[in-house]
Amino acid sequence: MSAPLVGARQKPIVIYRSVNRDGETYAMESRSLQRLREALGSAVHAHPRVFIAHETRADYEAVHGGIVQQVIQLLTGVTEERLRPLGGVSFRDPVTERELRRAD
């Protein structure tokens, strides 16, 4: 196993979620993006940010399950299944660094 893969397993890929009155913005932590590029190379087709608008007030305590897979795929260019061996994915608040629970 290569050194980048060993190091990548120690921590999850971090995706930050910010919420405002219009929607949610998701962005991958820069160190997570670097680890992904080292581990997966050209398979990573990352985008810096994804914004999802909503019509009603968002649940500030949870990332809603219906969009989790799509957000991960859009930000990283790979599926969550492919990220599991690298440490999985953690959604966090960018201010508090607190992990957000996933709601179904």
PDB file of N, CA and C in Angstrom:
ATOM      1  N   MET A   1       0.841  -1.176   0.000  1.00  0.00           N
ATOM      2  CA  MET A   1       0.000   0.000   0.000  1.00  0.00           C
ATOM      3  C   MET A   1       0.885   1.236   0.000  1.00  0.00           C
ATOM      4  N   SER A   2       0.516   2.228  -0.771  1.00  0.00           N
ATOM      5  CA  SER A   2       1.352   3.425  -0.879  1.00  0.00           C
ATOM      6  C   SER A   2       1.215   4.302   0.359  1.00  0.00           C
ATOM      7  N   ALA A   3       2.208   5.143   0.575  1.00  0.00           N
ATOM      8  CA  ALA A   3       2.212   6.032   1.740  1.00  0.00           C
ATOM      9  C   ALA A   3       1.011   6.975   1.772  1.00  0.00           C
ATOM     10  N   PRO A   4       0.596   7.596   0.625  1.00  0.00           N
ATOM     11  CA  PRO A   4      -0.561   8.487   0.684  1.00  0.00           C
ATOM     12  C   PRO A   4      -1.831   7.775   1.142  1.00  0.00           C
ATOM     13  N   LEU A   5      -2.014   6.532   0.733  1.00  0.00           N
ATOM     14  CA  LEU A   5      -3.208   5.806   1.151  1.00  0.00           C
ATOM     15  C   LEU A   5      -3.182   5.505   2.637  1.00  0.00           C
ATOM     16  N   VAL A   6      -2.043   5.164   3.169  1.00  0.00           N
ATOM     17  CA  VAL A   6      -1.938   4.880   4.595  1.00  0.00           C
ATOM     18  C   VAL A   6      -2.280   6.128   5.394  1.00  0.00           C
ATOM     19  N   GLY A   7      -1.718   7.273   5.032  1.00  0.00           N
ATOM     20  CA  GLY A   7      -1.997   8.521   5.731  1.00  0.00           C
ATOM     21  C   GLY A   7      -3.446   8.958   5.586  1.00  0.00           C
ATOM     22  N   ALA A   8      -4.038   8.702   4.417  1.00  0.00           N
ATOM     23  CA  ALA A   8      -5.403   9.118   4.161  1.00  0.00           C
ATOM     24  C   ALA A   8      -6.394   8.352   5.021  1.00  0.00           C
ATOM     25  N   ARG A   9      -6.064   7.139   5.430  1.00  0.00           N
ATOM     26  CA  ARG A   9      -6.983   6.338   6.236  1.00  0.00           C
ATOM     27  C   ARG A   9      -7.162   6.877   7.640  1.00  0.00           C
ATOM     28  N   GLN A  10      -6.249   7.674   8.103  1.00  0.00           N
ATOM     29  CA  GLN A  10      -6.276   8.127   9.482  1.00  0.00           C
ATOM     30  C   GLN A  10      -7.373   9.146   9.758  1.00  0.00           C
ATOM     31  N   LYS A  11      -7.781   9.908   8.774  1.00  0.00           N
ATOM     32  CA  LYS A  11      -8.784  10.948   8.967  1.00  0.00           C
ATOM     33  C   LYS A  11      -9.808  10.896   7.844  1.00  0.00           C
ATOM     34  N   PRO A  12     -11.051  11.255   8.153  1.00  0.00           N
ATOM     35  CA  PRO A  12     -12.062  11.279   7.094  1.00  0.00           C
ATOM     36  C   PRO A  12     -11.865  12.473   6.155  1.00  0.00           C
ATOM     37  N   ILE A  13     -12.471  12.393   5.006  1.00  0.00           N
ATOM     38  CA  ILE A  13     -12.538  13.517   4.089  1.00  0.00           C
ATOM     39  C   ILE A  13     -13.558  14.480   4.695  1.00  0.00           C
ATOM     40  N   VAL A  14     -13.182  15.733   4.887  1.00  0.00           N
ATOM     41  CA  VAL A  14     -14.055  16.698   5.554  1.00  0.00           C
ATOM     42  C   VAL A  14     -14.741  17.591   4.528  1.00  0.00           C
ATOM     43  N   ILE A  15     -16.068  17.653   4.647  1.00  0.00           N
ATOM     44  CA  ILE A  15     -16.878  18.557   3.839  1.00  0.00           C
ATOM     45  C   ILE A  15     -17.571  19.515   4.797  1.00  0.00           C
ATOM     46  N   TYR A  16     -17.344  20.801   4.582  1.00  0.00           N
ATOM     47  CA  TYR A  16     -17.970  21.817   5.418  1.00  0.00           C
ATOM     48  C   TYR A  16     -19.321  22.208   4.831  1.00  0.00           C
ATOM     49  N   ARG A  17     -20.293  22.434   5.721  1.00  0.00           N
ATOM     50  CA  ARG A  17     -21.614  22.896   5.289  1.00  0.00           C
ATOM     51  C   ARG A  17     -21.958  24.189   6.021  1.00  0.00           C
ATOM     52  N   SER A  18     -22.199  25.230   5.237  1.00  0.00           N
ATOM     53  CA  SER A  18     -22.655  26.513   5.767  1.00  0.00           C
ATOM     54  C   SER A  18     -24.107  26.695   5.357  1.00  0.00           C
ATOM     55  N   VAL A  19     -24.921  27.232   6.258  1.00  0.00           N
ATOM     56  CA  VAL A  19     -26.346  27.425   5.980  1.00  0.00           C
ATOM     57  C   VAL A  19     -26.682  28.899   6.113  1.00  0.00           C
ATOM     58  N   ASN A  20     -27.462  29.404   5.163  1.00  0.00           N
ATOM     59  CA  ASN A  20     -28.019  30.747   5.295  1.00  0.00           C
ATOM     60  C   ASN A  20     -29.504  30.675   4.947  1.00  0.00           C
ATOM     61  N   ARG A  21     -30.171  31.797   4.880  1.00  0.00           N
ATOM     62  CA  ARG A  21     -31.621  31.766   4.662  1.00  0.00           C
ATOM     63  C   ARG A  21     -32.017  31.246   3.284  1.00  0.00           C
ATOM     64  N   ASP A  22     -31.087  31.244   2.334  1.00  0.00           N
ATOM     65  CA  ASP A  22     -31.398  30.815   0.973  1.00  0.00           C
ATOM     66  C   ASP A  22     -31.031  29.364   0.676  1.00  0.00           C
ATOM     67  N   GLY A  23     -30.140  28.791   1.462  1.00  0.00           N
ATOM     68  CA  GLY A  23     -29.720  27.434   1.173  1.00  0.00           C
ATOM     69  C   GLY A  23     -28.478  27.029   1.922  1.00  0.00           C
ATOM     70  N   GLU A  24     -27.813  26.036   1.379  1.00  0.00           N
ATOM     71  CA  GLU A  24     -26.639  25.448   2.008  1.00  0.00           C
ATOM     72  C   GLU A  24     -25.480  25.451   1.024  1.00  0.00           C
ATOM     73  N   THR A  25     -24.302  25.786   1.517  1.00  0.00           N
ATOM     74  CA  THR A  25     -23.099  25.733   0.702  1.00  0.00           C
ATOM     75  C   THR A  25     -22.203  24.649   1.277  1.00  0.00           C
ATOM     76  N   TYR A  26     -21.730  23.768   0.407  1.00  0.00           N
ATOM     77  CA  TYR A  26     -20.833  22.679   0.790  1.00  0.00           C
ATOM     78  C   TYR A  26     -19.487  22.924   0.133  1.00  0.00           C
ATOM     79  N   ALA A  27     -18.412  22.719   0.896  1.00  0.00           N
ATOM     80  CA  ALA A  27     -17.054  22.904   0.376  1.00  0.00           C
ATOM     81  C   ALA A  27     -16.130  21.899   1.039  1.00  0.00           C
ATOM     82  N   MET A  28     -15.220  21.329   0.265  1.00  0.00           N
ATOM     83  CA  MET A  28     -14.278  20.365   0.812  1.00  0.00           C
ATOM     84  C   MET A  28     -13.109  21.095   1.483  1.00  0.00           C
ATOM     85  N   GLU A  29     -12.702  20.590   2.626  1.00  0.00           N
ATOM     86  CA  GLU A  29     -11.533  21.115   3.328  1.00  0.00           C
ATOM     87  C   GLU A  29     -10.311  20.981   2.412  1.00  0.00           C
ATOM     88  N   SER A  30      -9.463  21.976   2.374  1.00  0.00           N
ATOM     89  CA  SER A  30      -8.313  21.971   1.458  1.00  0.00           C
ATOM     90  C   SER A  30      -7.361  20.800   1.720  1.00  0.00           C
ATOM     91  N   ARG A  31      -7.120  20.451   2.994  1.00  0.00           N
ATOM     92  CA  ARG A  31      -6.243  19.300   3.285  1.00  0.00           C
ATOM     93  C   ARG A  31      -6.872  17.997   2.815  1.00  0.00           C
ATOM     94  N   SER A  32      -8.197  17.902   2.905  1.00  0.00           N
ATOM     95  CA  SER A  32      -8.883  16.701   2.422  1.00  0.00           C
ATOM     96  C   SER A  32      -8.740  16.576   0.909  1.00  0.00           C
ATOM     97  N   LEU A  33      -8.876  17.698   0.220  1.00  0.00           N
ATOM     98  CA  LEU A  33      -8.716  17.684  -1.233  1.00  0.00           C
ATOM     99  C   LEU A  33      -7.300  17.256  -1.609  1.00  0.00           C
ATOM    100  N   GLN A  34      -6.319  17.765  -0.905  1.00  0.00           N
ATOM    101  CA  GLN A  34      -4.932  17.396  -1.182  1.00  0.00           C
ATOM    102  C   GLN A  34      -4.722  15.891  -0.964  1.00  0.00           C
ATOM    103  N   ARG A  35      -5.250  15.354   0.138  1.00  0.00           N
ATOM    104  CA  ARG A  35      -5.128  13.921   0.415  1.00  0.00           C
ATOM    105  C   ARG A  35      -5.812  13.093  -0.665  1.00  0.00           C
ATOM    106  N   LEU A  36      -6.973  13.548  -1.116  1.00  0.00           N
ATOM    107  CA  LEU A  36      -7.674  12.833  -2.184  1.00  0.00           C
ATOM    108  C   LEU A  36      -6.853  12.797  -3.461  1.00  0.00           C
ATOM    109  N   ARG A  37      -6.293  13.922  -3.823  1.00  0.00           N
ATOM    110  CA  ARG A  37      -5.486  13.981  -5.048  1.00  0.00           C
ATOM    111  C   ARG A  37      -4.249  13.098  -4.943  1.00  0.00           C
ATOM    112  N   GLU A  38      -3.643  13.038  -3.772  1.00  0.00           N
ATOM    113  CA  GLU A  38      -2.485  12.169  -3.572  1.00  0.00           C
ATOM    114  C   GLU A  38      -2.877  10.700  -3.653  1.00  0.00           C
ATOM    115  N   ALA A  39      -4.028  10.354  -3.102  1.00  0.00           N
ATOM    116  CA  ALA A  39      -4.456   8.960  -3.047  1.00  0.00           C
ATOM    117  C   ALA A  39      -5.075   8.464  -4.348  1.00  0.00           C
ATOM    118  N   LEU A  40      -5.867   9.316  -5.022  1.00  0.00           N
ATOM    119  CA  LEU A  40      -6.628   8.861  -6.187  1.00  0.00           C
ATOM    120  C   LEU A  40      -6.189   9.480  -7.509  1.00  0.00           C
ATOM    121  N   GLY A  41      -5.342  10.460  -7.453  1.00  0.00           N
ATOM    122  CA  GLY A  41      -4.806  11.049  -8.681  1.00  0.00           C
ATOM    123  C   GLY A  41      -5.864  11.585  -9.623  1.00  0.00           C
ATOM    124  N   SER A  42      -5.808  11.157 -10.871  1.00  0.00           N
ATOM    125  CA  SER A  42      -6.689  11.695 -11.907  1.00  0.00           C
ATOM    126  C   SER A  42      -8.146  11.279 -11.753  1.00  0.00           C
ATOM    127  N   ALA A  43      -8.447  10.377 -10.846  1.00  0.00           N
ATOM    128  CA  ALA A  43      -9.845   9.996 -10.611  1.00  0.00           C
ATOM    129  C   ALA A  43     -10.617  11.113  -9.917  1.00  0.00           C
ATOM    130  N   VAL A  44      -9.908  12.039  -9.275  1.00  0.00           N
ATOM    131  CA  VAL A  44     -10.547  13.133  -8.548  1.00  0.00           C
ATOM    132  C   VAL A  44     -10.818  14.282  -9.511  1.00  0.00           C
ATOM    133  N   HIS A  45     -12.088  14.625  -9.640  1.00  0.00           N
ATOM    134  CA  HIS A  45     -12.515  15.766 -10.461  1.00  0.00           C
ATOM    135  C   HIS A  45     -13.269  16.710  -9.530  1.00  0.00           C
ATOM    136  N   ALA A  46     -12.537  17.405  -8.706  1.00  0.00           N
ATOM    137  CA  ALA A  46     -13.115  18.193  -7.621  1.00  0.00           C
ATOM    138  C   ALA A  46     -13.646  19.544  -8.098  1.00  0.00           C
ATOM    139  N   HIS A  47     -14.657  20.002  -7.372  1.00  0.00           N
ATOM    140  CA  HIS A  47     -15.215  21.339  -7.543  1.00  0.00           C
ATOM    141  C   HIS A  47     -15.102  22.039  -6.195  1.00  0.00           C
ATOM    142  N   PRO A  48     -14.808  23.333  -6.193  1.00  0.00           N
ATOM    143  CA  PRO A  48     -14.546  24.006  -4.925  1.00  0.00           C
ATOM    144  C   PRO A  48     -15.756  24.128  -4.004  1.00  0.00           C
ATOM    145  N   ARG A  49     -16.952  24.305  -4.568  1.00  0.00           N
ATOM    146  CA  ARG A  49     -18.143  24.559  -3.773  1.00  0.00           C
ATOM    147  C   ARG A  49     -19.391  24.103  -4.505  1.00  0.00           C
ATOM    148  N   VAL A  50     -20.391  23.727  -3.705  1.00  0.00           N
ATOM    149  CA  VAL A  50     -21.712  23.406  -4.246  1.00  0.00           C
ATOM    150  C   VAL A  50     -22.736  24.138  -3.385  1.00  0.00           C
ATOM    151  N   PHE A  51     -23.662  24.857  -4.030  1.00  0.00           N
ATOM    152  CA  PHE A  51     -24.730  25.545  -3.310  1.00  0.00           C
ATOM    153  C   PHE A  51     -26.048  24.887  -3.666  1.00  0.00           C
ATOM    154  N   ILE A  52     -26.862  24.604  -2.639  1.00  0.00           N
ATOM    155  CA  ILE A  52     -28.178  24.011  -2.842  1.00  0.00           C
ATOM    156  C   ILE A  52     -29.206  24.923  -2.181  1.00  0.00           C
ATOM    157  N   ALA A  53     -30.089  25.484  -2.999  1.00  0.00           N
ATOM    158  CA  ALA A  53     -31.131  26.370  -2.488  1.00  0.00           C
ATOM    159  C   ALA A  53     -32.243  25.557  -1.849  1.00  0.00           C
ATOM    160  N   HIS A  54     -32.940  26.165  -0.887  1.00  0.00           N
ATOM    161  CA  HIS A  54     -34.093  25.511  -0.281  1.00  0.00           C
ATOM    162  C   HIS A  54     -35.227  26.511  -0.132  1.00  0.00           C
ATOM    163  N   GLU A  55     -36.437  25.966  -0.079  1.00  0.00           N
ATOM    164  CA  GLU A  55     -37.621  26.814   0.017  1.00  0.00           C
ATOM    165  C   GLU A  55     -38.049  27.060   1.453  1.00  0.00           C
ATOM    166  N   THR A  56     -37.680  26.163   2.356  1.00  0.00           N
ATOM    167  CA  THR A  56     -38.068  26.300   3.757  1.00  0.00           C
ATOM    168  C   THR A  56     -36.815  26.403   4.609  1.00  0.00           C
ATOM    169  N   ARG A  57     -37.006  26.746   5.865  1.00  0.00           N
ATOM    170  CA  ARG A  57     -35.872  26.868   6.778  1.00  0.00           C
ATOM    171  C   ARG A  57     -35.153  25.529   6.913  1.00  0.00           C
ATOM    172  N   ALA A  58     -33.844  25.552   6.770  1.00  0.00           N
ATOM    173  CA  ALA A  58     -33.045  24.324   6.833  1.00  0.00           C
ATOM    174  C   ALA A  58     -32.899  23.842   8.269  1.00  0.00           C
ATOM    175  N   ASP A  59     -32.712  22.553   8.423  1.00  0.00           N
ATOM    176  CA  ASP A  59     -32.388  21.971   9.716  1.00  0.00           C
ATOM    177  C   ASP A  59     -30.905  22.197   9.935  1.00  0.00           C
ATOM    178  N   TYR A  60     -30.546  23.061  10.854  1.00  0.00           N
ATOM    179  CA  TYR A  60     -29.155  23.435  11.063  1.00  0.00           C
ATOM    180  C   TYR A  60     -28.333  22.330  11.721  1.00  0.00           C
ATOM    181  N   GLU A  61     -28.988  21.331  12.260  1.00  0.00           N
ATOM    182  CA  GLU A  61     -28.280  20.293  12.992  1.00  0.00           C
ATOM    183  C   GLU A  61     -27.964  19.058  12.155  1.00  0.00           C
ATOM    184  N   ALA A  62     -28.471  18.969  10.950  1.00  0.00           N
ATOM    185  CA  ALA A  62     -28.292  17.733  10.181  1.00  0.00           C
ATOM    186  C   ALA A  62     -28.083  18.018   8.699  1.00  0.00           C
ATOM    187  N   VAL A  63     -27.377  17.105   8.063  1.00  0.00           N
ATOM    188  CA  VAL A  63     -27.232  17.098   6.613  1.00  0.00           C
ATOM    189  C   VAL A  63     -28.259  16.095   6.123  1.00  0.00           C
ATOM    190  N   HIS A  64     -29.134  16.501   5.246  1.00  0.00           N
ATOM    191  CA  HIS A  64     -30.236  15.637   4.837  1.00  0.00           C
ATOM    192  C   HIS A  64     -29.792  14.560   3.859  1.00  0.00           C
ATOM    193  N   GLY A  65     -30.169  13.328   4.192  1.00  0.00           N
ATOM    194  CA  GLY A  65     -29.723  12.142   3.474  1.00  0.00           C
ATOM    195  C   GLY A  65     -29.971  12.143   1.993  1.00  0.00           C
ATOM    196  N   GLY A  66     -31.038  12.798   1.549  1.00  0.00           N
ATOM    197  CA  GLY A  66     -31.373  12.786   0.141  1.00  0.00           C
ATOM    198  C   GLY A  66     -30.333  13.430  -0.760  1.00  0.00           C
ATOM    199  N   ILE A  67     -29.492  14.289  -0.200  1.00  0.00           N
ATOM    200  CA  ILE A  67     -28.511  14.981  -1.041  1.00  0.00           C
ATOM    201  C   ILE A  67     -27.069  14.601  -0.737  1.00  0.00           C
ATOM    202  N   VAL A  68     -26.854  13.819   0.288  1.00  0.00           N
ATOM    203  CA  VAL A  68     -25.489  13.488   0.720  1.00  0.00           C
ATOM    204  C   VAL A  68     -24.664  12.893  -0.414  1.00  0.00           C
ATOM    205  N   GLN A  69     -25.179  11.865  -1.044  1.00  0.00           N
ATOM    206  CA  GLN A  69     -24.412  11.188  -2.094  1.00  0.00           C
ATOM    207  C   GLN A  69     -24.111  12.117  -3.268  1.00  0.00           C
ATOM    208  N   GLN A  70     -25.096  12.950  -3.637  1.00  0.00           N
ATOM    209  CA  GLN A  70     -24.885  13.866  -4.755  1.00  0.00           C
ATOM    210  C   GLN A  70     -23.845  14.930  -4.417  1.00  0.00           C
ATOM    211  N   VAL A  71     -23.875  15.460  -3.193  1.00  0.00           N
ATOM    212  CA  VAL A  71     -22.900  16.477  -2.782  1.00  0.00           C
ATOM    213  C   VAL A  71     -21.489  15.888  -2.804  1.00  0.00           C
ATOM    214  N   ILE A  72     -21.334  14.698  -2.259  1.00  0.00           N
ATOM    215  CA  ILE A  72     -20.019  14.044  -2.249  1.00  0.00           C
ATOM    216  C   ILE A  72     -19.517  13.842  -3.672  1.00  0.00           C
ATOM    217  N   GLN A  73     -20.377  13.344  -4.537  1.00  0.00           N
ATOM    218  CA  GLN A  73     -19.994  13.084  -5.933  1.00  0.00           C
ATOM    219  C   GLN A  73     -19.623  14.395  -6.643  1.00  0.00           C
ATOM    220  N   LEU A  74     -20.404  15.451  -6.426  1.00  0.00           N
ATOM    221  CA  LEU A  74     -20.114  16.727  -7.080  1.00  0.00           C
ATOM    222  C   LEU A  74     -18.809  17.351  -6.595  1.00  0.00           C
ATOM    223  N   LEU A  75     -18.565  17.296  -5.299  1.00  0.00           N
ATOM    224  CA  LEU A  75     -17.355  17.925  -4.754  1.00  0.00           C
ATOM    225  C   LEU A  75     -16.081  17.149  -5.068  1.00  0.00           C
ATOM    226  N   THR A  76     -16.144  15.825  -5.023  1.00  0.00           N
ATOM    227  CA  THR A  76     -14.931  15.016  -5.166  1.00  0.00           C
ATOM    228  C   THR A  76     -14.758  14.383  -6.534  1.00  0.00           C
ATOM    229  N   GLY A  77     -15.857  14.144  -7.217  1.00  0.00           N
ATOM    230  CA  GLY A  77     -15.793  13.438  -8.495  1.00  0.00           C
ATOM    231  C   GLY A  77     -15.791  11.924  -8.334  1.00  0.00           C
ATOM    232  N   VAL A  78     -15.892  11.440  -7.101  1.00  0.00           N
ATOM    233  CA  VAL A  78     -15.943   9.992  -6.840  1.00  0.00           C
ATOM    234  C   VAL A  78     -17.068   9.702  -5.851  1.00  0.00           C
ATOM    235  N   THR A  79     -17.457   8.442  -5.757  1.00  0.00           N
ATOM    236  CA  THR A  79     -18.552   8.054  -4.874  1.00  0.00           C
ATOM    237  C   THR A  79     -18.090   7.939  -3.427  1.00  0.00           C
ATOM    238  N   GLU A  80     -19.055   7.989  -2.522  1.00  0.00           N
ATOM    239  CA  GLU A  80     -18.735   7.812  -1.111  1.00  0.00           C
ATOM    240  C   GLU A  80     -18.157   6.427  -0.856  1.00  0.00           C
ATOM    241  N   GLU A  81     -18.637   5.429  -1.562  1.00  0.00           N
ATOM    242  CA  GLU A  81     -18.097   4.069  -1.415  1.00  0.00           C
ATOM    243  C   GLU A  81     -16.602   4.040  -1.690  1.00  0.00           C
ATOM    244  N   ARG A  82     -16.175   4.780  -2.681  1.00  0.00           N
ATOM    245  CA  ARG A  82     -14.752   4.818  -3.029  1.00  0.00           C
ATOM    246  C   ARG A  82     -13.936   5.557  -1.959  1.00  0.00           C
ATOM    247  N   LEU A  83     -14.589   6.424  -1.204  1.00  0.00           N
ATOM    248  CA  LEU A  83     -13.904   7.189  -0.166  1.00  0.00           C
ATOM    249  C   LEU A  83     -13.837   6.453   1.166  1.00  0.00           C
ATOM    250  N   ARG A  84     -14.654   5.445   1.357  1.00  0.00           N
ATOM    251  CA  ARG A  84     -14.666   4.719   2.639  1.00  0.00           C
ATOM    252  C   ARG A  84     -13.307   4.160   3.030  1.00  0.00           C
ATOM    253  N   PRO A  85     -12.577   3.517   2.114  1.00  0.00           N
ATOM    254  CA  PRO A  85     -11.255   3.000   2.496  1.00  0.00           C
ATOM    255  C   PRO A  85     -10.247   4.098   2.852  1.00  0.00           C
ATOM    256  N   LEU A  86     -10.534   5.323   2.448  1.00  0.00           N
ATOM    257  CA  LEU A  86      -9.638   6.451   2.724  1.00  0.00           C
ATOM    258  C   LEU A  86      -9.988   7.162   4.021  1.00  0.00           C
ATOM    259  N   GLY A  87     -10.975   6.654   4.756  1.00  0.00           N
ATOM    260  CA  GLY A  87     -11.371   7.283   6.015  1.00  0.00           C
ATOM    261  C   GLY A  87     -12.807   7.757   6.046  1.00  0.00           C
ATOM    262  N   GLY A  88     -13.539   7.579   4.937  1.00  0.00           N
ATOM    263  CA  GLY A  88     -14.936   7.999   4.901  1.00  0.00           C
ATOM    264  C   GLY A  88     -15.086   9.489   4.730  1.00  0.00           C
ATOM    265  N   VAL A  89     -16.303   9.979   4.993  1.00  0.00           N
ATOM    266  CA  VAL A  89     -16.629  11.393   4.816  1.00  0.00           C
ATOM    267  C   VAL A  89     -17.265  11.920   6.095  1.00  0.00           C
ATOM    268  N   SER A  90     -16.854  13.105   6.489  1.00  0.00           N
ATOM    269  CA  SER A  90     -17.410  13.781   7.658  1.00  0.00           C
ATOM    270  C   SER A  90     -17.934  15.143   7.230  1.00  0.00           C
ATOM    271  N   PHE A  91     -19.218  15.416   7.496  1.00  0.00           N
ATOM    272  CA  PHE A  91     -19.791  16.738   7.256  1.00  0.00           C
ATOM    273  C   PHE A  91     -19.639  17.534   8.545  1.00  0.00           C
ATOM    274  N   ARG A  92     -19.114  18.771   8.439  1.00  0.00           N
ATOM    275  CA  ARG A  92     -18.849  19.576   9.632  1.00  0.00           C
ATOM    276  C   ARG A  92     -19.293  21.012   9.450  1.00  0.00           C
ATOM    277  N   ASP A  93     -19.526  21.644  10.580  1.00  0.00           N
ATOM    278  CA  ASP A  93     -19.787  23.071  10.605  1.00  0.00           C
ATOM    279  C   ASP A  93     -18.433  23.774  10.452  1.00  0.00           C
ATOM    280  N   PRO A  94     -18.294  24.728   9.524  1.00  0.00           N
ATOM    281  CA  PRO A  94     -16.988  25.362   9.300  1.00  0.00           C
ATOM    282  C   PRO A  94     -16.530  26.279  10.424  1.00  0.00           C
ATOM    283  N   VAL A  95     -17.434  26.740  11.268  1.00  0.00           N
ATOM    284  CA  VAL A  95     -17.071  27.639  12.359  1.00  0.00           C
ATOM    285  C   VAL A  95     -16.676  26.865  13.606  1.00  0.00           C
ATOM    286  N   THR A  96     -17.496  25.879  13.976  1.00  0.00           N
ATOM    287  CA  THR A  96     -17.263  25.146  15.219  1.00  0.00           C
ATOM    288  C   THR A  96     -16.453  23.875  15.027  1.00  0.00           C
ATOM    289  N   GLU A  97     -16.338  23.406  13.779  1.00  0.00           N
ATOM    290  CA  GLU A  97     -15.676  22.134  13.452  1.00  0.00           C
ATOM    291  C   GLU A  97     -16.449  20.930  14.008  1.00  0.00           C
ATOM    292  N   ARG A  98     -17.658  21.180  14.497  1.00  0.00           N
ATOM    293  CA  ARG A  98     -18.485  20.099  15.041  1.00  0.00           C
ATOM    294  C   ARG A  98     -19.035  19.249  13.898  1.00  0.00           C
ATOM    295  N   GLU A  99     -18.980  17.933  14.078  1.00  0.00           N
ATOM    296  CA  GLU A  99     -19.506  17.028  13.068  1.00  0.00           C
ATOM    297  C   GLU A  99     -21.027  17.119  13.040  1.00  0.00           C
ATOM    298  N   LEU A 100     -21.586  17.170  11.831  1.00  0.00           N
ATOM    299  CA  LEU A 100     -23.031  17.248  11.650  1.00  0.00           C
ATOM    300  C   LEU A 100     -23.581  15.843  11.447  1.00  0.00           C
ATOM    301  N   ARG A 101     -24.692  15.571  12.072  1.00  0.00           N
ATOM    302  CA  ARG A 101     -25.301  14.249  11.872  1.00  0.00           C
ATOM    303  C   ARG A 101     -26.003  14.231  10.519  1.00  0.00           C
ATOM    304  N   ARG A 102     -26.163  13.042   9.994  1.00  0.00           N
ATOM    305  CA  ARG A 102     -26.890  12.859   8.739  1.00  0.00           C
ATOM    306  C   ARG A 102     -28.305  12.404   9.060  1.00  0.00           C
ATOM    307  N   ALA A 103     -29.277  13.092   8.498  1.00  0.00           N
ATOM    308  CA  ALA A 103     -30.673  12.733   8.704  1.00  0.00           C
ATOM    309  C   ALA A 103     -31.206  12.057   7.438  1.00  0.00           C
ATOM    310  N   ASP A 104     -32.072  11.087   7.642  1.00  0.00           N
ATOM    311  CA  ASP A 104     -32.687  10.396   6.482  1.00  0.00           C
ATOM    312  C   ASP A 104     -33.802  11.195   5.885  1.00  0.00           C
TER     313      ASP A 104
END
